[in-house]
Amino acid sequence: MSDIPVCETLLPTQSGAVLTILFNRPDRRNALTHQMMVELTSVLQWIAAQESVRVVVLRGAGGNFSAGGDLDAMHSLPPKPTSGDDPLVPAYREMGHALTLLDSLPQAVIAGIEGAAVGGGLGMACCADYVVSVADAKFGMPEAKWGFIPSQILPFVVGRIGQGAARAMVITGRIARGEEAFRLGIAHELANDTGDLQAKLDRAVADALLSAPHALATAKTLVRLAPTRSPEETLQDAAEHLVHLLRQPEAQEGITAFLGKRKPSWAVE
């Protein structure tokens, strides 16, 4: 197994089957830069190829998840070239690439949110499978108030909360606290404080580790693609995947364990 990519703005660490990615620019409230997105892309590509990683946990250092794009970097733009395409477009697309990778990871992705989760931070939260948030965390897309837009996060936010709620969040620029984020479906569980957040994250990780890795990855893919397909396409694909999984040792072990009233071999204590 190759080593985890070395990063300057992220701190990825693996403990057993769980890999934690810590956004590690606490002095900037973990504001996102191009370098950060390049490093995140590299780490996510590495994770996707690791069968030893079964759960990915996203956290932010210093009491904030992520305050979105780094405005200092966005303010100090190089001049636009006199001809040809603007080179900043592919640079900003790097965030979309990273979010697409995060959204499609075969492993379970669990996010712990405290402090700010706005702009790009909101986008990453909306790519997680399960989100635990402290009650006073801040979620939002206030970019239009400052003359720009929430660019690369839009499909993931709309996919999570729907077009109506996303439009309201964009045009008002209002910040949603944890309870509203829970109501909108951004967060799945609320915590009272940092200690409670960690306890609830640990429980969510333990739950995810009870699922068979290939079954979990297949189910995630089917759920993610279902809104883009007809019901008939989803049902056919699901039937084919189910039969394939039933013929594999993983499912046979799971069924044998259930019938024998024991835990299957992959269920990590």
Protein backbone atom coordinates (compact mmCIF):
# COMPACT_ATOMS: atom_id res chain seq x y z
CA MET A 1 0.00 0.00 0.00
CA SER A 2 1.38 3.41 -0.96
CA ASP A 3 1.72 6.22 1.56
CA ILE A 4 -0.87 8.95 2.00
CA PRO A 5 0.06 11.99 -0.14
CA VAL A 6 2.01 14.64 1.75
CA CYS A 7 0.09 17.91 2.13
CA GLU A 8 0.70 21.42 3.46
CA THR A 9 -2.92 22.57 3.89
CA LEU A 10 -4.50 19.25 4.88
CA LEU A 11 -3.66 16.74 7.58
CA PRO A 12 -4.77 13.26 6.46
CA THR A 13 -4.25 10.50 9.03
CA GLN A 14 -5.31 6.86 9.01
CA SER A 15 -6.22 4.80 12.05
CA GLY A 16 -7.23 1.29 11.12
CA ALA A 17 -10.04 1.43 8.57
CA VAL A 18 -10.78 5.12 9.23
CA LEU A 19 -9.02 7.99 7.48
CA THR A 20 -9.52 11.52 8.80
CA ILE A 21 -8.92 14.56 6.60
CA LEU A 22 -8.34 17.69 8.68
CA PHE A 23 -8.58 21.01 6.85
CA ASN A 24 -5.52 22.61 8.35
CA ARG A 25 -5.46 26.38 7.89
CA PRO A 26 -6.90 27.39 11.27
CA ASP A 27 -5.47 30.92 11.10
CA ARG A 28 -7.66 31.48 8.01
CA ARG A 29 -10.69 29.55 9.35
CA ASN A 30 -9.68 26.82 6.88
CA ALA A 31 -10.48 29.05 3.91
CA LEU A 32 -9.99 27.18 0.64
CA THR A 33 -7.17 27.87 -1.80
CA HIS A 34 -6.21 26.36 -5.14
CA GLN A 35 -3.38 24.49 -3.42
CA MET A 36 -5.82 23.06 -0.91
CA MET A 37 -8.07 21.77 -3.69
CA VAL A 38 -5.13 20.25 -5.56
CA GLU A 39 -4.03 18.50 -2.37
CA LEU A 40 -7.59 17.35 -1.62
CA THR A 41 -7.89 15.92 -5.14
CA SER A 42 -4.65 14.00 -4.65
CA VAL A 43 -5.73 12.61 -1.28
CA LEU A 44 -9.19 11.61 -2.53
CA GLN A 45 -7.73 9.84 -5.56
CA TRP A 46 -5.45 7.92 -3.21
CA ILE A 47 -8.34 7.04 -0.87
CA ALA A 48 -10.54 5.76 -3.70
CA ALA A 49 -7.90 3.12 -4.50
CA GLN A 50 -7.39 1.94 -0.90
CA GLU A 51 -9.43 -1.08 0.19
CA SER A 52 -7.99 -0.65 3.69
CA VAL A 53 -9.93 2.65 4.04
CA ARG A 54 -13.61 2.08 4.76
CA VAL A 55 -14.66 5.38 6.34
CA VAL A 56 -13.48 8.94 5.63
CA VAL A 57 -14.04 11.63 8.28
CA LEU A 58 -13.89 15.33 7.38
CA ARG A 59 -13.03 17.88 10.08
CA GLY A 60 -11.64 21.39 10.31
CA ALA A 61 -8.82 22.54 12.58
CA GLY A 62 -9.25 25.33 15.10
CA GLY A 63 -13.02 25.25 15.58
CA ASN A 64 -14.13 25.89 11.98
CA PHE A 65 -14.96 23.41 9.21
CA SER A 66 -14.23 25.82 6.35
CA ALA A 67 -15.09 29.47 5.75
CA GLY A 68 -15.17 29.01 1.96
CA GLY A 69 -12.86 30.53 -0.61
CA ASP A 70 -9.84 32.54 0.56
CA LEU A 71 -10.80 36.13 -0.29
CA ASP A 72 -7.20 37.36 -0.20
CA ALA A 73 -6.36 34.99 -3.04
CA MET A 74 -9.55 35.91 -4.90
CA HIS A 75 -8.80 39.63 -4.54
CA SER A 76 -5.25 39.41 -5.91
CA LEU A 77 -5.98 38.02 -9.37
CA PRO A 78 -3.46 38.10 -12.21
CA PRO A 79 -4.52 40.24 -15.18
CA LYS A 80 -6.72 38.62 -17.81
CA PRO A 81 -4.74 37.68 -20.95
CA THR A 82 -5.39 39.80 -24.00
CA SER A 83 -6.37 36.75 -26.05
CA GLY A 84 -7.38 33.16 -25.51
CA ASP A 85 -9.19 31.54 -22.61
CA ASP A 86 -8.87 32.87 -19.09
CA PRO A 87 -6.46 30.52 -17.25
CA LEU A 88 -8.33 31.10 -14.00
CA VAL A 89 -11.32 29.06 -15.21
CA PRO A 90 -9.54 25.67 -15.04
CA ALA A 91 -7.97 26.76 -11.76
CA TYR A 92 -11.39 27.29 -10.21
CA ARG A 93 -12.66 24.07 -11.77
CA GLU A 94 -10.21 22.25 -9.49
CA MET A 95 -12.70 22.66 -6.65
CA GLY A 96 -15.41 21.06 -8.77
CA HIS A 97 -13.08 18.19 -9.55
CA ALA A 98 -12.32 17.66 -5.85
CA LEU A 99 -15.99 17.83 -4.88
CA THR A 100 -16.92 15.35 -7.62
CA LEU A 101 -14.33 12.92 -6.27
CA LEU A 102 -15.57 13.43 -2.72
CA ASP A 103 -19.19 12.94 -3.75
CA SER A 104 -18.39 9.69 -5.57
CA LEU A 105 -16.01 8.04 -3.10
CA PRO A 106 -16.86 4.36 -2.62
CA GLN A 107 -16.18 4.67 1.11
CA ALA A 108 -18.55 6.14 3.69
CA VAL A 109 -17.89 9.88 4.15
CA ILE A 110 -18.80 11.45 7.49
CA ALA A 111 -18.35 15.17 8.27
CA GLY A 112 -18.14 16.83 11.67
CA ILE A 113 -19.14 20.50 11.43
CA GLU A 114 -18.42 23.28 13.90
CA GLY A 115 -17.94 26.98 13.32
CA ALA A 116 -18.17 28.09 9.69
CA ALA A 117 -19.24 25.80 6.84
CA VAL A 118 -20.01 28.37 4.16
CA GLY A 119 -19.32 28.53 0.44
CA GLY A 120 -16.94 25.69 -0.38
CA GLY A 121 -17.30 24.41 3.17
CA LEU A 122 -21.03 24.01 2.60
CA GLY A 123 -20.30 22.24 -0.69
CA MET A 124 -18.06 19.69 1.02
CA ALA A 125 -20.65 19.11 3.74
CA CYS A 126 -23.24 18.43 1.02
CA CYS A 127 -20.94 15.79 -0.51
CA ALA A 128 -20.72 13.85 2.77
CA ASP A 129 -22.96 10.84 3.34
CA TYR A 130 -23.57 11.70 6.99
CA VAL A 131 -23.12 15.06 8.71
CA VAL A 132 -22.99 15.77 12.42
CA SER A 133 -23.14 19.48 13.29
CA VAL A 134 -22.97 21.45 16.49
CA ALA A 135 -26.11 23.50 16.98
CA ASP A 136 -24.38 26.86 16.50
CA ALA A 137 -22.47 25.99 13.30
CA LYS A 138 -22.97 28.35 10.35
CA PHE A 139 -23.98 27.21 6.85
CA GLY A 140 -24.62 29.42 3.85
CA MET A 141 -23.87 30.80 0.40
CA PRO A 142 -23.36 34.56 1.00
CA GLU A 143 -21.08 35.08 -2.02
CA ALA A 144 -23.48 37.32 -3.99
CA LYS A 145 -23.36 39.86 -1.14
CA TRP A 146 -19.72 40.42 -2.02
CA GLY A 147 -20.02 40.45 -5.80
CA PHE A 148 -19.30 36.87 -6.83
CA ILE A 149 -21.08 33.48 -6.83
CA PRO A 150 -20.96 30.04 -5.21
CA SER A 151 -19.61 28.44 -8.37
CA GLN A 152 -18.42 24.85 -8.05
CA ILE A 153 -20.59 23.84 -5.10
CA LEU A 154 -23.96 24.47 -6.78
CA PRO A 155 -24.82 20.98 -8.12
CA PHE A 156 -23.95 19.38 -4.81
CA VAL A 157 -25.93 21.85 -2.71
CA VAL A 158 -28.96 21.62 -5.02
CA GLY A 159 -28.70 17.84 -4.95
CA ARG A 160 -28.77 17.91 -1.16
CA ILE A 161 -31.42 20.51 -0.31
CA GLY A 162 -33.31 21.03 -3.59
CA GLN A 163 -33.54 23.96 -5.96
CA GLY A 164 -36.04 25.94 -3.91
CA ALA A 165 -34.02 25.99 -0.70
CA ALA A 166 -30.79 26.63 -2.63
CA ARG A 167 -32.33 29.60 -4.46
CA ALA A 168 -33.55 31.08 -1.18
CA MET A 169 -30.11 30.63 0.39
CA VAL A 170 -28.42 32.31 -2.60
CA ILE A 171 -30.70 35.34 -2.93
CA THR A 172 -30.89 36.13 0.79
CA GLY A 173 -27.30 35.25 1.64
CA ARG A 174 -28.58 34.29 5.06
CA ILE A 175 -26.60 32.03 7.34
CA ALA A 176 -28.38 28.90 8.54
CA ARG A 177 -27.52 27.63 12.00
CA GLY A 178 -27.31 23.96 12.88
CA GLU A 179 -31.01 23.45 13.55
CA GLU A 180 -32.03 24.92 10.18
CA ALA A 181 -29.29 22.92 8.46
CA PHE A 182 -30.79 19.83 10.08
CA ARG A 183 -34.26 20.79 8.83
CA LEU A 184 -32.92 21.34 5.30
CA GLY A 185 -31.17 17.98 5.27
CA ILE A 186 -27.61 19.31 5.22
CA ALA A 187 -26.97 17.85 8.67
CA HIS A 188 -28.33 14.53 9.88
CA GLU A 189 -27.59 14.88 13.58
CA LEU A 190 -27.00 17.78 15.97
CA ALA A 191 -24.49 17.93 18.80
CA ASN A 192 -24.46 20.15 21.87
CA ASP A 193 -20.73 20.89 21.90
CA THR A 194 -17.37 19.66 20.61
CA GLY A 195 -17.29 16.70 22.99
CA ASP A 196 -20.78 15.63 22.00
CA LEU A 197 -19.83 16.12 18.34
CA GLN A 198 -16.92 13.72 18.71
CA ALA A 199 -19.05 11.14 20.49
CA LYS A 200 -21.69 11.26 17.75
CA LEU A 201 -19.02 11.06 15.04
CA ASP A 202 -17.53 8.00 16.72
CA ARG A 203 -20.95 6.35 16.76
CA ALA A 204 -21.58 7.15 13.09
CA VAL A 205 -18.18 5.72 12.17
CA ALA A 206 -18.92 2.57 14.17
CA ASP A 207 -22.25 2.19 12.37
CA ALA A 208 -20.60 2.58 8.95
CA LEU A 209 -18.01 -0.07 9.81
CA LEU A 210 -20.79 -2.63 10.27
CA SER A 211 -21.60 -2.52 6.54
CA ALA A 212 -19.88 -4.75 4.00
CA PRO A 213 -17.47 -2.56 1.98
CA HIS A 214 -18.57 -3.60 -1.52
CA ALA A 215 -22.27 -3.56 -0.66
CA LEU A 216 -21.95 -0.07 0.86
CA ALA A 217 -20.06 1.25 -2.18
CA THR A 218 -22.63 -0.21 -4.58
CA ALA A 219 -25.59 1.15 -2.63
CA LYS A 220 -23.97 4.61 -2.47
CA THR A 221 -23.53 4.66 -6.24
CA LEU A 222 -27.11 3.59 -6.92
CA VAL A 223 -28.51 6.24 -4.56
CA ARG A 224 -26.30 8.96 -6.04
CA LEU A 225 -27.26 8.15 -9.63
CA ALA A 226 -30.97 7.50 -9.04
CA PRO A 227 -32.09 11.16 -9.55
CA THR A 228 -30.41 11.23 -12.97
CA ARG A 229 -31.98 7.99 -14.23
CA SER A 230 -35.41 6.65 -14.95
CA PRO A 231 -36.88 4.30 -12.31
CA GLU A 232 -36.59 1.43 -14.81
CA GLU A 233 -32.87 2.06 -15.31
CA THR A 234 -32.27 2.19 -11.56
CA LEU A 235 -34.28 -0.96 -10.90
CA GLN A 236 -32.52 -2.91 -13.64
CA ASP A 237 -29.07 -1.79 -12.53
CA ALA A 238 -29.91 -2.54 -8.88
CA ALA A 239 -31.13 -6.05 -9.75
CA GLU A 240 -27.95 -6.81 -11.69
CA HIS A 241 -25.74 -5.50 -8.88
CA LEU A 242 -27.73 -7.43 -6.27
CA VAL A 243 -27.31 -10.74 -8.10
CA HIS A 244 -23.62 -10.04 -8.64
CA LEU A 245 -23.10 -9.29 -4.93
CA LEU A 246 -25.07 -12.37 -3.83
CA ARG A 247 -22.66 -14.54 -5.80
CA GLN A 248 -19.62 -13.03 -4.04
CA PRO A 249 -17.97 -14.30 -0.82
CA GLU A 250 -18.84 -11.04 0.99
CA ALA A 251 -22.61 -11.58 0.77
CA GLN A 252 -22.30 -15.27 1.51
CA GLU A 253 -20.37 -14.42 4.67
CA GLY A 254 -22.97 -11.83 5.67
CA ILE A 255 -25.91 -14.19 5.20
CA THR A 256 -24.11 -17.01 7.00
CA ALA A 257 -23.33 -14.67 9.89
CA PHE A 258 -26.96 -13.52 10.10
CA LEU A 259 -28.26 -17.08 10.14
CA GLY A 260 -25.63 -18.05 12.71
CA LYS A 261 -26.48 -15.05 14.91
CA ARG A 262 -22.92 -13.70 14.82
CA LYS A 263 -21.23 -10.61 13.38
CA PRO A 264 -19.77 -10.89 9.87
CA SER A 265 -16.02 -10.81 9.46
CA TRP A 266 -15.90 -7.17 8.32
CA ALA A 267 -17.81 -5.77 11.31
CA VAL A 268 -15.11 -3.85 13.16
CA GLU A 269 -15.59 -3.54 16.92
